[in-house]
């Protein structure tokens, strides 16, 4: 007599949205080519290049404008973004950053990497990793505003137009990262 086949769903192939098999990353040369095309289109269509820290400045200006509109009108950098009747969300950077977040999430789902996870070394806790990420992110965003652009704006847009200041900032970022890596190596080893 023949054995009946198991008709229950196979748990090894039924992954769902967040339990998909991990796919390899895009080849770096292909990714670079695609990023170059996007940068070219950003120069061609809106005529601005790429960057993201300006979107954070727009959100910050909006939040300050909610509680202290007179302050926004007095501070030149905030007034430029949200002073008077200006809408800080009219910046082209807002949809770019929203698109980056949506695109990153979709890419993570398709590539099987969308999951709740704290990537850290074996010697530190999740709490320490989050604290270091928050402090580092705060310092990096502050530095991006002081440098008048984030790494994507400086490296991609500034580098593409051969801005000496952008090249200097990127060299300083890499030098600073390598110098700090020595002191934080215990976090990842």
Protein backbone atom coordinates (compact mmCIF):
# COMPACT_ATOMS: atom_id res chain seq x y z
CA UNK A 1 0.00 0.00 0.00
CA UNK A 2 1.30 3.44 -0.88
CA UNK A 3 2.05 5.93 1.87
CA UNK A 4 -0.05 9.04 1.97
CA UNK A 5 1.83 12.23 1.27
CA UNK A 6 1.92 14.86 3.99
CA UNK A 7 -0.38 17.72 2.93
CA UNK A 8 0.58 20.03 5.80
CA UNK A 9 2.34 23.22 4.72
CA UNK A 10 6.09 22.91 4.59
CA UNK A 11 7.51 25.24 7.25
CA UNK A 12 10.82 25.44 5.42
CA UNK A 13 9.25 27.17 2.41
CA UNK A 14 6.40 29.08 4.09
CA UNK A 15 8.37 32.16 5.16
CA UNK A 16 5.90 35.03 5.20
CA UNK A 17 6.98 38.68 4.91
CA UNK A 18 9.60 38.79 7.65
CA UNK A 19 10.92 35.25 7.61
CA UNK A 20 12.26 35.02 4.09
CA UNK A 21 15.54 33.42 3.10
CA UNK A 22 18.37 35.96 3.03
CA UNK A 23 19.51 36.90 -0.46
CA UNK A 24 23.01 38.18 -1.24
CA UNK A 25 23.60 41.91 -1.42
CA UNK A 26 23.78 43.66 -4.78
CA UNK A 27 27.21 43.54 -6.35
CA UNK A 28 29.04 46.75 -5.28
CA UNK A 29 29.83 47.80 -8.87
CA UNK A 30 26.20 47.41 -9.88
CA UNK A 31 25.09 49.30 -6.77
CA UNK A 32 27.60 52.07 -7.52
CA UNK A 33 26.41 52.30 -11.11
CA UNK A 34 22.77 52.53 -10.02
CA UNK A 35 23.64 55.16 -7.40
CA UNK A 36 25.52 57.13 -10.07
CA UNK A 37 22.46 57.04 -12.31
CA UNK A 38 20.26 58.28 -9.46
CA UNK A 39 22.76 61.08 -8.70
CA UNK A 40 22.84 62.06 -12.38
CA UNK A 41 19.04 62.18 -12.47
CA UNK A 42 19.04 64.29 -9.29
CA UNK A 43 21.32 66.80 -11.01
CA UNK A 44 19.30 66.64 -14.23
CA UNK A 45 15.73 66.84 -12.94
CA UNK A 46 15.55 68.96 -9.75
CA UNK A 47 19.08 70.29 -10.30
CA UNK A 48 20.19 69.71 -6.73
CA UNK A 49 22.08 66.47 -6.18
CA UNK A 50 21.50 64.14 -3.23
CA UNK A 51 21.55 64.65 0.53
CA UNK A 52 19.47 63.90 3.60
CA UNK A 53 20.44 66.10 6.55
CA UNK A 54 18.41 69.02 5.23
CA UNK A 55 15.26 66.96 5.76
CA UNK A 56 16.15 66.58 9.44
CA UNK A 57 16.69 70.35 9.63
CA UNK A 58 13.24 70.89 8.09
CA UNK A 59 11.61 68.60 10.66
CA UNK A 60 13.51 70.33 13.49
CA UNK A 61 12.49 73.77 12.19
CA UNK A 62 8.87 72.59 12.00
CA UNK A 63 8.96 71.35 15.60
CA UNK A 64 10.55 74.57 16.88
CA UNK A 65 7.99 76.58 14.90
CA UNK A 66 5.19 74.74 16.71
CA UNK A 67 6.35 75.92 20.14
CA UNK A 68 8.32 79.12 19.42
CA UNK A 69 7.43 80.69 16.07
CA UNK A 70 9.01 84.04 17.04
CA UNK A 71 12.32 82.26 17.66
CA UNK A 72 12.19 80.68 14.20
CA UNK A 73 11.67 84.11 12.66
CA UNK A 74 14.70 85.55 14.54
CA UNK A 75 17.24 82.78 13.83
CA UNK A 76 18.50 83.05 10.22
CA UNK A 77 18.98 79.32 9.54
CA UNK A 78 15.51 78.49 10.92
CA UNK A 79 13.91 81.50 9.22
CA UNK A 80 15.33 80.33 5.90
CA UNK A 81 13.60 76.97 6.38
CA UNK A 82 10.36 77.82 8.21
CA UNK A 83 10.23 81.57 8.85
CA UNK A 84 7.08 83.59 8.27
CA UNK A 85 4.63 81.62 6.18
CA UNK A 86 7.18 79.17 4.77
CA UNK A 87 6.28 75.50 4.88
CA UNK A 88 9.36 73.52 6.01
CA UNK A 89 7.93 70.39 4.37
CA UNK A 90 7.98 71.97 0.90
CA UNK A 91 11.66 70.98 0.61
CA UNK A 92 12.41 68.34 -2.01
CA UNK A 93 14.46 66.49 0.64
CA UNK A 94 11.36 65.39 2.57
CA UNK A 95 10.02 63.05 -0.16
CA UNK A 96 13.59 61.90 -0.90
CA UNK A 97 14.12 60.79 2.72
CA UNK A 98 10.65 59.22 2.93
CA UNK A 99 11.42 57.37 -0.30
CA UNK A 100 14.77 56.21 1.11
CA UNK A 101 13.05 54.79 4.20
CA UNK A 102 10.35 53.04 2.17
CA UNK A 103 12.89 51.77 -0.36
CA UNK A 104 15.20 50.51 2.39
CA UNK A 105 12.31 48.67 4.06
CA UNK A 106 11.13 47.10 0.79
CA UNK A 107 14.69 46.11 -0.05
CA UNK A 108 15.07 44.54 3.39
CA UNK A 109 11.85 42.55 2.96
CA UNK A 110 12.79 41.36 -0.54
CA UNK A 111 16.34 40.50 0.55
CA UNK A 112 15.16 38.65 3.67
CA UNK A 113 16.88 41.06 6.06
CA UNK A 114 13.83 42.86 7.54
CA UNK A 115 13.75 41.84 11.18
CA UNK A 116 14.04 43.30 14.66
CA UNK A 117 17.65 42.90 15.59
CA UNK A 118 20.39 44.74 17.44
CA UNK A 119 23.72 44.15 15.75
CA UNK A 120 26.46 44.27 18.35
CA UNK A 121 29.67 42.66 19.47
CA UNK A 122 29.67 39.84 22.02
CA UNK A 123 31.09 41.97 24.87
CA UNK A 124 28.41 44.65 25.14
CA UNK A 125 24.70 44.65 25.90
CA UNK A 126 21.89 45.79 23.66
CA UNK A 127 21.42 48.82 25.91
CA UNK A 128 25.09 49.88 25.50
CA UNK A 129 24.88 49.38 21.74
CA UNK A 130 21.78 51.57 21.53
CA UNK A 131 23.39 54.24 23.72
CA UNK A 132 26.51 54.30 21.53
CA UNK A 133 24.37 54.45 18.38
CA UNK A 134 22.34 57.34 19.79
CA UNK A 135 25.40 59.34 20.87
CA UNK A 136 27.19 58.65 17.58
CA UNK A 137 24.11 59.54 15.56
CA UNK A 138 23.62 62.78 17.48
CA UNK A 139 27.26 63.79 16.96
CA UNK A 140 27.12 62.87 13.30
CA UNK A 141 23.92 64.85 12.67
CA UNK A 142 25.36 67.84 14.55
CA UNK A 143 28.53 67.59 12.49
CA UNK A 144 26.50 67.28 9.29
CA UNK A 145 24.72 70.55 10.03
CA UNK A 146 28.03 72.24 10.90
CA UNK A 147 29.57 70.93 7.65
CA UNK A 148 26.48 72.09 5.72
CA UNK A 149 25.70 68.58 4.55
CA UNK A 150 25.62 64.92 5.49
CA UNK A 151 27.92 62.26 4.10
CA UNK A 152 25.60 61.56 1.19
CA UNK A 153 25.44 65.24 0.32
CA UNK A 154 29.15 65.81 0.84
CA UNK A 155 30.48 62.59 -0.71
CA UNK A 156 28.02 62.16 -3.55
CA UNK A 157 26.93 65.66 -4.51
CA UNK A 158 30.04 67.56 -3.42
CA UNK A 159 32.39 64.85 -4.63
CA UNK A 160 30.67 64.66 -8.01
CA UNK A 161 31.16 68.39 -8.60
CA UNK A 162 34.77 68.11 -7.32
CA UNK A 163 34.22 70.39 -4.32
CA UNK A 164 37.52 70.59 -2.41
CA UNK A 165 35.63 71.12 0.86
CA UNK A 166 33.58 67.96 0.34
CA UNK A 167 36.69 65.91 -0.39
CA UNK A 168 38.39 67.33 2.73
CA UNK A 169 35.36 66.57 4.90
CA UNK A 170 35.16 62.99 3.62
CA UNK A 171 38.85 62.42 4.29
CA UNK A 172 38.36 63.83 7.80
CA UNK A 173 35.34 61.55 8.37
CA UNK A 174 37.29 58.44 7.35
CA UNK A 175 40.35 59.49 9.36
CA UNK A 176 38.19 60.17 12.41
CA UNK A 177 36.40 56.84 12.04
CA UNK A 178 39.67 54.92 11.82
CA UNK A 179 41.12 56.79 14.81
CA UNK A 180 38.01 56.19 16.93
CA UNK A 181 37.77 52.55 15.86
CA UNK A 182 40.91 51.74 17.82
CA UNK A 183 39.33 52.95 21.06
CA UNK A 184 35.99 51.23 20.41
CA UNK A 185 37.38 47.94 19.10
CA UNK A 186 36.29 46.11 22.28
CA UNK A 187 32.68 46.91 21.35
CA UNK A 188 32.86 44.66 18.27
CA UNK A 189 35.45 42.01 19.25
